[in-house]
Amino acid sequence: MRNNYLSHLPPDRVAFNVEETAELLGLCRGTIHKLISSGALSSQRIGRARRITRHALNAYLNENARQEIARMTLTRAN
């Protein structure tokens, strides 16, 4: 199941800063930093700035969707 969760965003945006990513996902900046530190969300450093690509955001959202479906399936089976 592949989904482009960010298709509503302007196609010319290929990367977002931490604050923009937090706003897109409805999370706080600290949570985004934790996701990056844990490896759950990929990012790139450009100088001192950190950027999260559109591809990395979609990968993170797709993985979370897969995990949620698996959790729901297990819950129903029990």
C-alpha atoms as a PDB file:
ATOM      1  CA  MET A   1       0.000   0.000   0.000  1.00  0.00           C
ATOM      2  CA  ARG A   2       1.799   3.082  -1.241  1.00  0.00           C
ATOM      3  CA  ASN A   3       0.192   6.435  -0.650  1.00  0.00           C
ATOM      4  CA  ASN A   4       1.414   9.941  -1.336  1.00  0.00           C
ATOM      5  CA  TYR A   5       0.219  11.636   1.835  1.00  0.00           C
ATOM      6  CA  LEU A   6       1.788  14.923   0.801  1.00  0.00           C
ATOM      7  CA  SER A   7       0.221  15.240  -2.649  1.00  0.00           C
ATOM      8  CA  HIS A   8      -1.672  18.365  -1.569  1.00  0.00           C
ATOM      9  CA  LEU A   9       1.592  20.290  -1.110  1.00  0.00           C
ATOM     10  CA  PRO A  10       3.140  22.389  -3.862  1.00  0.00           C
ATOM     11  CA  PRO A  11       5.156  20.065  -6.122  1.00  0.00           C
ATOM     12  CA  ASP A  12       8.134  22.433  -6.141  1.00  0.00           C
ATOM     13  CA  ARG A  13       8.778  21.779  -2.430  1.00  0.00           C
ATOM     14  CA  VAL A  14      11.170  18.866  -2.153  1.00  0.00           C
ATOM     15  CA  ALA A  15      12.292  19.398   1.447  1.00  0.00           C
ATOM     16  CA  PHE A  16      11.025  20.938   4.671  1.00  0.00           C
ATOM     17  CA  ASN A  17      12.677  22.223   7.816  1.00  0.00           C
ATOM     18  CA  VAL A  18      11.895  20.709  11.221  1.00  0.00           C
ATOM     19  CA  GLU A  19       9.269  23.327  12.065  1.00  0.00           C
ATOM     20  CA  GLU A  20       7.439  22.857   8.747  1.00  0.00           C
ATOM     21  CA  THR A  21       7.577  19.086   9.158  1.00  0.00           C
ATOM     22  CA  ALA A  22       6.144  19.356  12.666  1.00  0.00           C
ATOM     23  CA  GLU A  23       3.295  21.505  11.353  1.00  0.00           C
ATOM     24  CA  LEU A  24       2.588  19.096   8.476  1.00  0.00           C
ATOM     25  CA  LEU A  25       2.424  16.102  10.819  1.00  0.00           C
ATOM     26  CA  GLY A  26       0.676  17.902  13.662  1.00  0.00           C
ATOM     27  CA  LEU A  27       3.556  17.207  16.038  1.00  0.00           C
ATOM     28  CA  CYS A  28       5.881  19.408  18.061  1.00  0.00           C
ATOM     29  CA  ARG A  29       9.446  20.140  16.933  1.00  0.00           C
ATOM     30  CA  GLY A  30      10.853  18.081  19.805  1.00  0.00           C
ATOM     31  CA  THR A  31       8.992  15.012  18.572  1.00  0.00           C
ATOM     32  CA  ILE A  32      10.377  15.523  15.068  1.00  0.00           C
ATOM     33  CA  HIS A  33      13.906  15.734  16.515  1.00  0.00           C
ATOM     34  CA  LYS A  34      13.282  12.495  18.459  1.00  0.00           C
ATOM     35  CA  LEU A  35      12.028  10.752  15.315  1.00  0.00           C
ATOM     36  CA  ILE A  36      15.145  11.886  13.469  1.00  0.00           C
ATOM     37  CA  SER A  37      17.452  10.803  16.316  1.00  0.00           C
ATOM     38  CA  SER A  38      15.807   7.380  16.516  1.00  0.00           C
ATOM     39  CA  GLY A  39      16.152   6.866  12.767  1.00  0.00           C
ATOM     40  CA  ALA A  40      12.379   6.641  12.243  1.00  0.00           C
ATOM     41  CA  LEU A  41      12.467   9.779  10.072  1.00  0.00           C
ATOM     42  CA  SER A  42      15.321  10.424   7.651  1.00  0.00           C
ATOM     43  CA  SER A  43      16.807  13.883   7.277  1.00  0.00           C
ATOM     44  CA  GLN A  44      19.683  15.629   5.577  1.00  0.00           C
ATOM     45  CA  ARG A  45      22.015  18.219   7.012  1.00  0.00           C
ATOM     46  CA  ILE A  46      22.844  21.155   4.791  1.00  0.00           C
ATOM     47  CA  GLY A  47      25.395  23.204   6.677  1.00  0.00           C
ATOM     48  CA  ARG A  48      23.805  23.735  10.091  1.00  0.00           C
ATOM     49  CA  ALA A  49      20.277  23.310   8.746  1.00  0.00           C
ATOM     50  CA  ARG A  50      18.354  20.048   8.822  1.00  0.00           C
ATOM     51  CA  ARG A  51      15.931  19.211   6.021  1.00  0.00           C
ATOM     52  CA  ILE A  52      13.402  16.411   5.689  1.00  0.00           C
ATOM     53  CA  THR A  53      12.672  15.471   2.096  1.00  0.00           C
ATOM     54  CA  ARG A  54       9.217  14.835   0.706  1.00  0.00           C
ATOM     55  CA  HIS A  55      10.341  11.258   0.033  1.00  0.00           C
ATOM     56  CA  ALA A  56      11.418  10.771   3.676  1.00  0.00           C
ATOM     57  CA  LEU A  57       8.063  12.096   4.926  1.00  0.00           C
ATOM     58  CA  ASN A  58       6.128   9.755   2.643  1.00  0.00           C
ATOM     59  CA  ALA A  59       8.292   6.811   3.710  1.00  0.00           C
ATOM     60  CA  TYR A  60       7.664   7.608   7.382  1.00  0.00           C
ATOM     61  CA  LEU A  61       3.908   7.972   6.854  1.00  0.00           C
ATOM     62  CA  ASN A  62       3.686   4.770   4.783  1.00  0.00           C
ATOM     63  CA  GLU A  63       5.553   2.816   7.461  1.00  0.00           C
ATOM     64  CA  ASN A  64       3.279   4.182  10.191  1.00  0.00           C
ATOM     65  CA  ALA A  65       0.208   3.252   8.142  1.00  0.00           C
ATOM     66  CA  ARG A  66       1.524  -0.321   7.708  1.00  0.00           C
ATOM     67  CA  GLN A  67       2.201  -0.625  11.435  1.00  0.00           C
ATOM     68  CA  GLU A  68      -1.266   0.705  12.304  1.00  0.00           C
ATOM     69  CA  ILE A  69      -2.957  -1.752   9.935  1.00  0.00           C
ATOM     70  CA  ALA A  70      -0.954  -4.623  11.424  1.00  0.00           C
ATOM     71  CA  ARG A  71      -1.872  -3.507  14.956  1.00  0.00           C
ATOM     72  CA  MET A  72      -5.558  -3.278  14.053  1.00  0.00           C
ATOM     73  CA  THR A  73      -5.458  -6.723  12.412  1.00  0.00           C
ATOM     74  CA  LEU A  74      -3.876  -8.271  15.504  1.00  0.00           C
ATOM     75  CA  THR A  75      -6.399  -6.555  17.772  1.00  0.00           C
ATOM     76  CA  ARG A  76      -9.323  -7.949  15.758  1.00  0.00           C
ATOM     77  CA  ALA A  77      -7.839 -11.463  15.729  1.00  0.00           C
ATOM     78  CA  ASN A  78      -7.698 -11.555  19.533  1.00  0.00           C
END
